[in-house]
Protein backbone atom coordinates (compact mmCIF):
# COMPACT_ATOMS: atom_id res chain seq x y z
CA UNK A 1 0.00 0.00 0.00
CA UNK A 2 1.34 3.42 -0.94
CA UNK A 3 1.09 6.16 1.66
CA UNK A 4 2.35 9.68 2.16
CA UNK A 5 4.53 9.41 5.26
CA UNK A 6 4.30 13.20 5.68
CA UNK A 7 0.69 12.72 6.84
CA UNK A 8 1.94 10.72 9.82
CA UNK A 9 4.54 13.36 10.67
CA UNK A 10 1.95 16.15 10.49
CA UNK A 11 -0.36 14.13 12.75
CA UNK A 12 2.46 13.64 15.26
CA UNK A 13 3.48 17.32 15.31
CA UNK A 14 -0.01 18.85 15.21
CA UNK A 15 -0.51 18.75 19.03
CA UNK A 16 2.52 21.03 19.45
CA UNK A 17 0.83 23.66 17.30
CA UNK A 18 -2.56 23.10 18.93
CA UNK A 19 -1.10 24.25 22.25
CA UNK A 20 -0.23 27.61 20.67
CA UNK A 21 -3.82 28.22 19.53
CA UNK A 22 -6.13 27.68 22.52
CA UNK A 23 -8.67 30.07 20.96
CA UNK A 24 -9.25 27.75 17.98
CA UNK A 25 -11.94 25.14 18.38
CA UNK A 26 -10.11 22.04 17.22
CA UNK A 27 -13.07 20.23 15.68
CA UNK A 28 -12.68 17.80 12.80
CA UNK A 29 -13.30 20.47 10.11
CA UNK A 30 -10.65 22.78 11.57
CA UNK A 31 -8.11 19.97 11.92
CA UNK A 32 -8.81 18.69 8.41
CA UNK A 33 -8.37 22.16 6.93
CA UNK A 34 -5.08 22.72 8.76
CA UNK A 35 -3.73 19.32 7.73
CA UNK A 36 -4.74 19.82 4.09
CA UNK A 37 -3.16 23.27 3.87
CA UNK A 38 0.05 22.13 5.58
CA UNK A 39 0.36 18.98 3.48
CA UNK A 40 -0.20 20.93 0.26
CA UNK A 41 2.79 23.09 1.21
CA UNK A 42 5.07 20.23 2.22
CA UNK A 43 6.93 17.85 -0.07
CA UNK A 44 5.09 14.52 -0.12
CA UNK A 45 7.11 11.51 1.02
CA UNK A 46 5.46 8.46 -0.49
CA UNK A 47 6.46 5.02 0.71
CA UNK A 48 5.34 1.57 -0.34
CA UNK A 49 7.50 -0.64 1.87
CA UNK A 50 8.67 -0.83 5.46
CA UNK A 51 12.23 -0.21 4.27
CA UNK A 52 11.10 2.92 2.45
CA UNK A 53 9.30 4.13 5.55
CA UNK A 54 12.44 3.72 7.65
CA UNK A 55 14.46 5.68 5.10
CA UNK A 56 11.94 8.53 5.01
CA UNK A 57 11.60 8.51 8.80
CA UNK A 58 15.35 9.06 9.18
CA UNK A 59 15.17 11.87 6.63
CA UNK A 60 12.33 13.69 8.45
CA UNK A 61 13.68 13.30 11.99
CA UNK A 62 16.25 16.11 11.72
CA UNK A 63 15.64 19.30 13.68
CA UNK A 64 15.61 21.27 10.43
CA UNK A 65 12.94 19.04 8.87
CA UNK A 66 10.77 19.19 12.00
CA UNK A 67 11.11 22.97 12.14
CA UNK A 68 9.96 23.24 8.50
CA UNK A 69 6.98 20.97 9.14
CA UNK A 70 6.01 22.83 12.33
CA UNK A 71 6.29 26.11 10.44
CA UNK A 72 3.90 24.90 7.73
CA UNK A 73 1.40 23.60 10.30
CA UNK A 74 1.57 26.94 12.13
CA UNK A 75 1.01 28.87 8.89
CA UNK A 76 -1.96 26.63 8.13
CA UNK A 77 -3.41 27.24 11.61
CA UNK A 78 -3.11 30.99 11.04
CA UNK A 79 -4.92 30.70 7.71
CA UNK A 80 -7.76 28.70 9.28
CA UNK A 81 -7.93 31.09 12.23
CA UNK A 82 -8.29 34.05 9.86
CA UNK A 83 -10.65 32.24 7.46
CA UNK A 84 -12.64 29.62 9.38
CA UNK A 85 -15.26 27.56 7.58
CA UNK A 86 -17.70 28.94 10.10
CA UNK A 87 -17.35 31.65 12.71
CA UNK A 88 -17.82 29.15 15.55
CA UNK A 89 -14.23 27.95 15.05
CA UNK A 90 -12.98 30.92 17.07
CA UNK A 91 -14.03 31.19 20.69
CA UNK A 92 -15.24 34.55 21.94
CA UNK A 93 -12.28 35.83 23.95
CA UNK A 94 -14.20 38.73 25.62
PDB file of N, CA and C in Angstrom:
ATOM      1  N   UNK A   1       0.840  -1.180   0.000  1.00  0.00           N
ATOM      2  CA  UNK A   1       0.000   0.000   0.000  1.00  0.00           C
ATOM      3  C   UNK A   1       0.890   1.250   0.000  1.00  0.00           C
ATOM      4  N   UNK A   2       0.587   2.171  -0.848  1.00  0.00           N
ATOM      5  CA  UNK A   2       1.342   3.417  -0.939  1.00  0.00           C
ATOM      6  C   UNK A   2       0.727   4.433   0.022  1.00  0.00           C
ATOM      7  N   UNK A   3       1.596   5.107   0.771  1.00  0.00           N
ATOM      8  CA  UNK A   3       1.090   6.157   1.658  1.00  0.00           C
ATOM      9  C   UNK A   3       2.071   7.320   1.686  1.00  0.00           C
ATOM     10  N   UNK A   4       1.534   8.478   2.014  1.00  0.00           N
ATOM     11  CA  UNK A   4       2.349   9.676   2.160  1.00  0.00           C
ATOM     12  C   UNK A   4       2.779   9.753   3.623  1.00  0.00           C
ATOM     13  N   UNK A   5       4.027   9.429   3.891  1.00  0.00           N
ATOM     14  CA  UNK A   5       4.534   9.412   5.263  1.00  0.00           C
ATOM     15  C   UNK A   5       4.420  10.787   5.924  1.00  0.00           C
ATOM     16  N   UNK A   6       4.405  11.844   5.131  1.00  0.00           N
ATOM     17  CA  UNK A   6       4.301  13.195   5.680  1.00  0.00           C
ATOM     18  C   UNK A   6       3.002  13.372   6.464  1.00  0.00           C
ATOM     19  N   UNK A   7       1.948  12.644   6.089  1.00  0.00           N
ATOM     20  CA  UNK A   7       0.692  12.716   6.840  1.00  0.00           C
ATOM     21  C   UNK A   7       0.906  12.276   8.283  1.00  0.00           C
ATOM     22  N   UNK A   8       1.658  11.215   8.478  1.00  0.00           N
ATOM     23  CA  UNK A   8       1.937  10.720   9.824  1.00  0.00           C
ATOM     24  C   UNK A   8       2.740  11.751  10.619  1.00  0.00           C
ATOM     25  N   UNK A   9       3.716  12.361   9.981  1.00  0.00           N
ATOM     26  CA  UNK A   9       4.545  13.357  10.665  1.00  0.00           C
ATOM     27  C   UNK A   9       3.695  14.564  11.067  1.00  0.00           C
ATOM     28  N   UNK A  10       2.832  15.026  10.171  1.00  0.00           N
ATOM     29  CA  UNK A  10       1.950  16.150  10.490  1.00  0.00           C
ATOM     30  C   UNK A  10       1.040  15.776  11.657  1.00  0.00           C
ATOM     31  N   UNK A  11       0.490  14.574  11.645  1.00  0.00           N
ATOM     32  CA  UNK A  11      -0.360  14.132  12.754  1.00  0.00           C
ATOM     33  C   UNK A  11       0.396  14.112  14.078  1.00  0.00           C
ATOM     34  N   UNK A  12       1.660  13.710  14.041  1.00  0.00           N
ATOM     35  CA  UNK A  12       2.463  13.641  15.263  1.00  0.00           C
ATOM     36  C   UNK A  12       2.832  15.026  15.790  1.00  0.00           C
ATOM     37  N   UNK A  13       3.055  15.985  14.896  1.00  0.00           N
ATOM     38  CA  UNK A  13       3.482  17.318  15.312  1.00  0.00           C
ATOM     39  C   UNK A  13       2.329  18.291  15.542  1.00  0.00           C
ATOM     40  N   UNK A  14       1.145  17.966  15.070  1.00  0.00           N
ATOM     41  CA  UNK A  14      -0.009  18.855  15.208  1.00  0.00           C
ATOM     42  C   UNK A  14      -0.298  19.248  16.660  1.00  0.00           C
ATOM     43  N   UNK A  15      -0.236  18.343  17.641  1.00  0.00           N
ATOM     44  CA  UNK A  15      -0.514  18.752  19.028  1.00  0.00           C
ATOM     45  C   UNK A  15       0.390  19.877  19.536  1.00  0.00           C
ATOM     46  N   UNK A  16       1.610  19.951  19.058  1.00  0.00           N
ATOM     47  CA  UNK A  16       2.518  21.032  19.453  1.00  0.00           C
ATOM     48  C   UNK A  16       1.962  22.379  19.011  1.00  0.00           C
ATOM     49  N   UNK A  17       1.413  22.426  17.817  1.00  0.00           N
ATOM     50  CA  UNK A  17       0.830  23.664  17.296  1.00  0.00           C
ATOM     51  C   UNK A  17      -0.501  23.949  17.982  1.00  0.00           C
ATOM     52  N   UNK A  18      -1.268  22.923  18.276  1.00  0.00           N
ATOM     53  CA  UNK A  18      -2.565  23.102  18.933  1.00  0.00           C
ATOM     54  C   UNK A  18      -2.413  23.847  20.259  1.00  0.00           C
ATOM     55  N   UNK A  19      -1.345  23.578  20.966  1.00  0.00           N
ATOM     56  CA  UNK A  19      -1.101  24.247  22.250  1.00  0.00           C
ATOM     57  C   UNK A  19      -0.928  25.754  22.079  1.00  0.00           C
ATOM     58  N   UNK A  20      -0.461  26.182  20.926  1.00  0.00           N
ATOM     59  CA  UNK A  20      -0.226  27.606  20.667  1.00  0.00           C
ATOM     60  C   UNK A  20      -1.502  28.352  20.281  1.00  0.00           C
ATOM     61  N   UNK A  21      -2.568  27.618  19.995  1.00  0.00           N
ATOM     62  CA  UNK A  21      -3.816  28.219  19.534  1.00  0.00           C
ATOM     63  C   UNK A  21      -4.995  27.749  20.390  1.00  0.00           C
ATOM     64  N   UNK A  22      -5.025  28.126  21.660  1.00  0.00           N
ATOM     65  CA  UNK A  22      -6.125  27.682  22.517  1.00  0.00           C
ATOM     66  C   UNK A  22      -7.468  28.309  22.134  1.00  0.00           C
ATOM     67  N   UNK A  23      -7.439  29.406  21.368  1.00  0.00           N
ATOM     68  CA  UNK A  23      -8.673  30.068  20.957  1.00  0.00           C
ATOM     69  C   UNK A  23      -9.332  29.412  19.749  1.00  0.00           C
ATOM     70  N   UNK A  24      -8.639  28.496  19.096  1.00  0.00           N
ATOM     71  CA  UNK A  24      -9.245  27.754  17.985  1.00  0.00           C
ATOM     72  C   UNK A  24     -10.009  26.565  18.537  1.00  0.00           C
ATOM     73  N   UNK A  25     -11.201  26.350  18.030  1.00  0.00           N
ATOM     74  CA  UNK A  25     -11.939  25.135  18.382  1.00  0.00           C
ATOM     75  C   UNK A  25     -11.428  24.044  17.456  1.00  0.00           C
ATOM     76  N   UNK A  26     -10.780  23.062  18.014  1.00  0.00           N
ATOM     77  CA  UNK A  26     -10.107  22.044  17.220  1.00  0.00           C
ATOM     78  C   UNK A  26     -11.060  20.910  16.849  1.00  0.00           C
ATOM     79  N   UNK A  27     -12.154  21.259  16.145  1.00  0.00           N
ATOM     80  CA  UNK A  27     -13.074  20.226  15.681  1.00  0.00           C
ATOM     81  C   UNK A  27     -12.513  19.579  14.419  1.00  0.00           C
ATOM     82  N   UNK A  28     -13.210  18.575  13.931  1.00  0.00           N
ATOM     83  CA  UNK A  28     -12.677  17.804  12.799  1.00  0.00           C
ATOM     84  C   UNK A  28     -12.524  18.651  11.532  1.00  0.00           C
ATOM     85  N   UNK A  29     -13.428  19.604  11.291  1.00  0.00           N
ATOM     86  CA  UNK A  29     -13.299  20.468  10.111  1.00  0.00           C
ATOM     87  C   UNK A  29     -12.043  21.328  10.196  1.00  0.00           C
ATOM     88  N   UNK A  30     -11.821  21.918  11.357  1.00  0.00           N
ATOM     89  CA  UNK A  30     -10.652  22.779  11.569  1.00  0.00           C
ATOM     90  C   UNK A  30      -9.363  21.978  11.390  1.00  0.00           C
ATOM     91  N   UNK A  31      -9.297  20.821  12.012  1.00  0.00           N
ATOM     92  CA  UNK A  31      -8.109  19.970  11.925  1.00  0.00           C
ATOM     93  C   UNK A  31      -7.879  19.523  10.483  1.00  0.00           C
ATOM     94  N   UNK A  32      -8.941  19.121   9.806  1.00  0.00           N
ATOM     95  CA  UNK A  32      -8.811  18.689   8.408  1.00  0.00           C
ATOM     96  C   UNK A  32      -8.299  19.813   7.521  1.00  0.00           C
ATOM     97  N   UNK A  33      -8.820  21.017   7.724  1.00  0.00           N
ATOM     98  CA  UNK A  33      -8.373  22.161   6.928  1.00  0.00           C
ATOM     99  C   UNK A  33      -6.895  22.452   7.169  1.00  0.00           C
ATOM    100  N   UNK A  34      -6.483  22.435   8.426  1.00  0.00           N
ATOM    101  CA  UNK A  34      -5.082  22.715   8.762  1.00  0.00           C
ATOM    102  C   UNK A  34      -4.167  21.653   8.163  1.00  0.00           C
ATOM    103  N   UNK A  35      -4.543  20.391   8.303  1.00  0.00           N
ATOM    104  CA  UNK A  35      -3.726  19.315   7.735  1.00  0.00           C
ATOM    105  C   UNK A  35      -3.622  19.451   6.215  1.00  0.00           C
ATOM    106  N   UNK A  36      -4.743  19.716   5.559  1.00  0.00           N
ATOM    107  CA  UNK A  36      -4.743  19.818   4.095  1.00  0.00           C
ATOM    108  C   UNK A  36      -3.857  20.964   3.621  1.00  0.00           C
ATOM    109  N   UNK A  37      -3.978  22.116   4.271  1.00  0.00           N
ATOM    110  CA  UNK A  37      -3.162  23.266   3.875  1.00  0.00           C
ATOM    111  C   UNK A  37      -1.681  22.968   4.099  1.00  0.00           C
ATOM    112  N   UNK A  38      -1.354  22.437   5.273  1.00  0.00           N
ATOM    113  CA  UNK A  38       0.052  22.133   5.578  1.00  0.00           C
ATOM    114  C   UNK A  38       0.612  21.106   4.598  1.00  0.00           C
ATOM    115  N   UNK A  39      -0.125  20.033   4.372  1.00  0.00           N
ATOM    116  CA  UNK A  39       0.361  18.977   3.478  1.00  0.00           C
ATOM    117  C   UNK A  39       0.518  19.463   2.042  1.00  0.00           C
ATOM    118  N   UNK A  40      -0.343  20.373   1.612  1.00  0.00           N
ATOM    119  CA  UNK A  40      -0.202  20.926   0.265  1.00  0.00           C
ATOM    120  C   UNK A  40       1.043  21.792   0.122  1.00  0.00           C
ATOM    121  N   UNK A  41       1.588  22.252   1.239  1.00  0.00           N
ATOM    122  CA  UNK A  41       2.786  23.086   1.208  1.00  0.00           C
ATOM    123  C   UNK A  41       4.054  22.337   1.608  1.00  0.00           C
ATOM    124  N   UNK A  42       3.921  21.063   1.872  1.00  0.00           N
ATOM    125  CA  UNK A  42       5.074  20.227   2.215  1.00  0.00           C
ATOM    126  C   UNK A  42       5.328  19.220   1.100  1.00  0.00           C
ATOM    127  N   UNK A  43       6.576  18.858   0.936  1.00  0.00           N
ATOM    128  CA  UNK A  43       6.935  17.852  -0.072  1.00  0.00           C
ATOM    129  C   UNK A  43       6.384  16.496   0.359  1.00  0.00           C
ATOM    130  N   UNK A  44       5.592  15.849  -0.486  1.00  0.00           N
ATOM    131  CA  UNK A  44       5.090  14.518  -0.118  1.00  0.00           C
ATOM    132  C   UNK A  44       6.233  13.519  -0.038  1.00  0.00           C
ATOM    133  N   UNK A  45       6.099  12.562   0.849  1.00  0.00           N
ATOM    134  CA  UNK A  45       7.111  11.515   1.021  1.00  0.00           C
ATOM    135  C   UNK A  45       6.392  10.174   0.937  1.00  0.00           C
ATOM    136  N   UNK A  46       6.186   9.702  -0.273  1.00  0.00           N
ATOM    137  CA  UNK A  46       5.459   8.460  -0.491  1.00  0.00           C
ATOM    138  C   UNK A  46       6.339   7.253  -0.226  1.00  0.00           C
ATOM    139  N   UNK A  47       5.760   6.278   0.441  1.00  0.00           N
ATOM    140  CA  UNK A  47       6.461   5.020   0.710  1.00  0.00           C
ATOM    141  C   UNK A  47       5.526   3.865   0.376  1.00  0.00           C
ATOM    142  N   UNK A  48       6.127   2.757  -0.016  1.00  0.00           N
ATOM    143  CA  UNK A  48       5.339   1.566  -0.339  1.00  0.00           C
ATOM    144  C   UNK A  48       5.811   0.347   0.443  1.00  0.00           C
ATOM    145  N   UNK A  49       6.952   0.487   1.118  1.00  0.00           N
ATOM    146  CA  UNK A  49       7.497  -0.640   1.871  1.00  0.00           C
ATOM    147  C   UNK A  49       7.951  -0.172   3.248  1.00  0.00           C
ATOM    148  N   UNK A  50       8.148  -1.128   4.131  1.00  0.00           N
ATOM    149  CA  UNK A  50       8.665  -0.831   5.465  1.00  0.00           C
ATOM    150  C   UNK A  50      10.063  -0.212   5.367  1.00  0.00           C
ATOM    151  N   UNK A  51      10.877  -0.734   4.467  1.00  0.00           N
ATOM    152  CA  UNK A  51      12.228  -0.208   4.271  1.00  0.00           C
ATOM    153  C   UNK A  51      12.170   1.252   3.821  1.00  0.00           C
ATOM    154  N   UNK A  52      11.266   1.546   2.912  1.00  0.00           N
ATOM    155  CA  UNK A  52      11.096   2.921   2.448  1.00  0.00           C
ATOM    156  C   UNK A  52      10.646   3.842   3.566  1.00  0.00           C
ATOM    157  N   UNK A  53       9.781   3.335   4.425  1.00  0.00           N
ATOM    158  CA  UNK A  53       9.300   4.134   5.551  1.00  0.00           C
ATOM    159  C   UNK A  53      10.441   4.455   6.517  1.00  0.00           C
ATOM    160  N   UNK A  54      11.291   3.489   6.770  1.00  0.00           N
ATOM    161  CA  UNK A  54      12.442   3.719   7.653  1.00  0.00           C
ATOM    162  C   UNK A  54      13.357   4.785   7.057  1.00  0.00           C
ATOM    163  N   UNK A  55      13.604   4.708   5.770  1.00  0.00           N
ATOM    164  CA  UNK A  55      14.462   5.685   5.095  1.00  0.00           C
ATOM    165  C   UNK A  55      13.881   7.093   5.216  1.00  0.00           C
ATOM    166  N   UNK A  56      12.596   7.227   4.944  1.00  0.00           N
ATOM    167  CA  UNK A  56      11.943   8.533   5.006  1.00  0.00           C
ATOM    168  C   UNK A  56      11.891   9.030   6.448  1.00  0.00           C
ATOM    169  N   UNK A  57      11.655   8.130   7.385  1.00  0.00           N
ATOM    170  CA  UNK A  57      11.604   8.507   8.800  1.00  0.00           C
ATOM    171  C   UNK A  57      12.933   9.127   9.232  1.00  0.00           C
ATOM    172  N   UNK A  58      14.024   8.522   8.844  1.00  0.00           N
ATOM    173  CA  UNK A  58      15.350   9.055   9.179  1.00  0.00           C
ATOM    174  C   UNK A  58      15.525  10.438   8.559  1.00  0.00           C
ATOM    175  N   UNK A  59      15.035  10.609   7.346  1.00  0.00           N
ATOM    176  CA  UNK A  59      15.169  11.872   6.629  1.00  0.00           C
ATOM    177  C   UNK A  59      14.348  12.990   7.269  1.00  0.00           C
ATOM    178  N   UNK A  60      13.215  12.662   7.891  1.00  0.00           N
ATOM    179  CA  UNK A  60      12.331  13.687   8.455  1.00  0.00           C
ATOM    180  C   UNK A  60      12.549  13.911   9.942  1.00  0.00           C
ATOM    181  N   UNK A  61      13.478  13.191  10.550  1.00  0.00           N
ATOM    182  CA  UNK A  61      13.679  13.301  11.992  1.00  0.00           C
ATOM    183  C   UNK A  61      14.618  14.453  12.368  1.00  0.00           C
ATOM    184  N   UNK A  62      15.299  15.031  11.413  1.00  0.00           N
ATOM    185  CA  UNK A  62      16.245  16.111  11.720  1.00  0.00           C
ATOM    186  C   UNK A  62      15.508  17.323  12.287  1.00  0.00           C
ATOM    187  N   UNK A  63      16.224  18.093  13.075  1.00  0.00           N
ATOM    188  CA  UNK A  63      15.643  19.295  13.677  1.00  0.00           C
ATOM    189  C   UNK A  63      15.191  20.273  12.594  1.00  0.00           C
ATOM    190  N   UNK A  64      15.955  20.366  11.528  1.00  0.00           N
ATOM    191  CA  UNK A  64      15.610  21.273  10.432  1.00  0.00           C
ATOM    192  C   UNK A  64      14.311  20.839   9.750  1.00  0.00           C
ATOM    193  N   UNK A  65      14.159  19.546   9.512  1.00  0.00           N
ATOM    194  CA  UNK A  65      12.941  19.039   8.873  1.00  0.00           C
ATOM    195  C   UNK A  65      11.734  19.266   9.772  1.00  0.00           C
ATOM    196  N   UNK A  66      11.880  18.979  11.060  1.00  0.00           N
ATOM    197  CA  UNK A  66      10.769  19.189  11.996  1.00  0.00           C
ATOM    198  C   UNK A  66      10.393  20.661  12.078  1.00  0.00           C
ATOM    199  N   UNK A  67      11.387  21.535  12.081  1.00  0.00           N
ATOM    200  CA  UNK A  67      11.112  22.971  12.135  1.00  0.00           C
ATOM    201  C   UNK A  67      10.322  23.416  10.908  1.00  0.00           C
ATOM    202  N   UNK A  68      10.678  22.909   9.739  1.00  0.00           N
ATOM    203  CA  UNK A  68       9.961  23.245   8.505  1.00  0.00           C
ATOM    204  C   UNK A  68       8.512  22.760   8.569  1.00  0.00           C
ATOM    205  N   UNK A  69       8.321  21.545   9.053  1.00  0.00           N
ATOM    206  CA  UNK A  69       6.977  20.974   9.143  1.00  0.00           C
ATOM    207  C   UNK A  69       6.141  21.751  10.157  1.00  0.00           C
ATOM    208  N   UNK A  70       6.717  22.043  11.322  1.00  0.00           N
ATOM    209  CA  UNK A  70       6.006  22.833  12.334  1.00  0.00           C
ATOM    210  C   UNK A  70       5.657  24.216  11.799  1.00  0.00           C
ATOM    211  N   UNK A  71       6.550  24.806  11.031  1.00  0.00           N
ATOM    212  CA  UNK A  71       6.290  26.110  10.437  1.00  0.00           C
ATOM    213  C   UNK A  71       5.095  26.056   9.489  1.00  0.00           C
ATOM    214  N   UNK A  72       5.023  25.030   8.672  1.00  0.00           N
ATOM    215  CA  UNK A  72       3.905  24.902   7.725  1.00  0.00           C
ATOM    216  C   UNK A  72       2.585  24.632   8.451  1.00  0.00           C
ATOM    217  N   UNK A  73       2.622  23.844   9.516  1.00  0.00           N
ATOM    218  CA  UNK A  73       1.401  23.598  10.295  1.00  0.00           C
ATOM    219  C   UNK A  73       0.945  24.896  10.959  1.00  0.00           C
ATOM    220  N   UNK A  74       1.896  25.663  11.484  1.00  0.00           N
ATOM    221  CA  UNK A  74       1.571  26.938  12.128  1.00  0.00           C
ATOM    222  C   UNK A  74       0.977  27.917  11.121  1.00  0.00           C
ATOM    223  N   UNK A  75       1.561  28.004   9.938  1.00  0.00           N
ATOM    224  CA  UNK A  75       1.012  28.867   8.887  1.00  0.00           C
ATOM    225  C   UNK A  75      -0.413  28.441   8.541  1.00  0.00           C
ATOM    226  N   UNK A  76      -0.632  27.146   8.455  1.00  0.00           N
ATOM    227  CA  UNK A  76      -1.963  26.632   8.134  1.00  0.00           C
ATOM    228  C   UNK A  76      -2.958  26.985   9.235  1.00  0.00           C
ATOM    229  N   UNK A  77      -2.534  26.882  10.492  1.00  0.00           N
ATOM    230  CA  UNK A  77      -3.411  27.235  11.614  1.00  0.00           C
ATOM    231  C   UNK A  77      -3.782  28.715  11.555  1.00  0.00           C
ATOM    232  N   UNK A  78      -2.836  29.552  11.185  1.00  0.00           N
ATOM    233  CA  UNK A  78      -3.112  30.988  11.041  1.00  0.00           C
ATOM    234  C   UNK A  78      -4.127  31.240   9.931  1.00  0.00           C
ATOM    235  N   UNK A  79      -3.980  30.543   8.829  1.00  0.00           N
ATOM    236  CA  UNK A  79      -4.922  30.698   7.715  1.00  0.00           C
ATOM    237  C   UNK A  79      -6.325  30.298   8.147  1.00  0.00           C
ATOM    238  N   UNK A  80      -6.441  29.168   8.828  1.00  0.00           N
ATOM    239  CA  UNK A  80      -7.756  28.695   9.282  1.00  0.00           C
ATOM    240  C   UNK A  80      -8.324  29.642  10.333  1.00  0.00           C
ATOM    241  N   UNK A  81      -7.469  30.145  11.199  1.00  0.00           N
ATOM    242  CA  UNK A  81      -7.930  31.087  12.227  1.00  0.00           C
ATOM    243  C   UNK A  81      -8.499  32.348  11.577  1.00  0.00           C
ATOM    244  N   UNK A  82      -7.842  32.839  10.539  1.00  0.00           N
ATOM    245  CA  UNK A  82      -8.287  34.051   9.856  1.00  0.00           C
ATOM    246  C   UNK A  82      -9.462  33.810   8.907  1.00  0.00           C
ATOM    247  N   UNK A  83      -9.610  32.577   8.438  1.00  0.00           N
ATOM    248  CA  UNK A  83     -10.650  32.241   7.457  1.00  0.00           C
ATOM    249  C   UNK A  83     -11.348  30.937   7.827  1.00  0.00           C
ATOM    250  N   UNK A  84     -11.991  30.882   8.987  1.00  0.00           N
ATOM    251  CA  UNK A  84     -12.635  29.620   9.384  1.00  0.00           C
ATOM    252  C   UNK A  84     -13.811  29.282   8.474  1.00  0.00           C
ATOM    253  N   UNK A  85     -14.090  27.983   8.370  1.00  0.00           N
ATOM    254  CA  UNK A  85     -15.257  27.555   7.581  1.00  0.00           C
ATOM    255  C   UNK A  85     -16.524  28.172   8.134  1.00  0.00           C
ATOM    256  N   UNK A  86     -16.596  28.239   9.461  1.00  0.00           N
ATOM    257  CA  UNK A  86     -17.704  28.940  10.096  1.00  0.00           C
ATOM    258  C   UNK A  86     -17.149  29.716  11.280  1.00  0.00           C
ATOM    259  N   UNK A  87     -17.848  30.732  11.674  1.00  0.00           N
ATOM    260  CA  UNK A  87     -17.348  31.646  12.707  1.00  0.00           C
ATOM    261  C   UNK A  87     -17.284  30.999  14.086  1.00  0.00           C
ATOM    262  N   UNK A  88     -17.863  29.832  14.262  1.00  0.00           N
ATOM    263  CA  UNK A  88     -17.818  29.149  15.550  1.00  0.00           C
ATOM    264  C   UNK A  88     -16.473  28.482  15.805  1.00  0.00           C
ATOM    265  N   UNK A  89     -15.558  28.545  14.854  1.00  0.00           N
ATOM    266  CA  UNK A  89     -14.231  27.949  15.054  1.00  0.00           C
ATOM    267  C   UNK A  89     -13.369  28.779  15.994  1.00  0.00           C
ATOM    268  N   UNK A  90     -13.744  30.042  16.188  1.00  0.00           N
ATOM    269  CA  UNK A  90     -12.982  30.918  17.068  1.00  0.00           C
ATOM    270  C   UNK A  90     -13.840  31.216  18.291  1.00  0.00           C
ATOM    271  N   UNK A  91     -13.294  30.918  19.460  1.00  0.00           N
ATOM    272  CA  UNK A  91     -14.030  31.186  20.688  1.00  0.00           C
ATOM    273  C   UNK A  91     -14.048  32.683  20.942  1.00  0.00           C
ATOM    274  N   UNK A  92     -15.134  33.150  21.556  1.00  0.00           N
ATOM    275  CA  UNK A  92     -15.242  34.546  21.943  1.00  0.00           C
ATOM    276  C   UNK A  92     -14.306  34.782  23.118  1.00  0.00           C
ATOM    277  N   UNK A  93     -13.303  35.611  22.921  1.00  0.00           N
ATOM    278  CA  UNK A  93     -12.284  35.826  23.946  1.00  0.00           C
ATOM    279  C   UNK A  93     -12.608  37.017  24.850  1.00  0.00           C
ATOM    280  N   UNK A  94     -13.825  37.580  24.770  1.00  0.00           N
ATOM    281  CA  UNK A  94     -14.197  38.732  25.619  1.00  0.00           C
ATOM    282  C   UNK A  94     -14.355  38.344  27.053  1.00  0.00           C
TER     283      UNK A  94
END
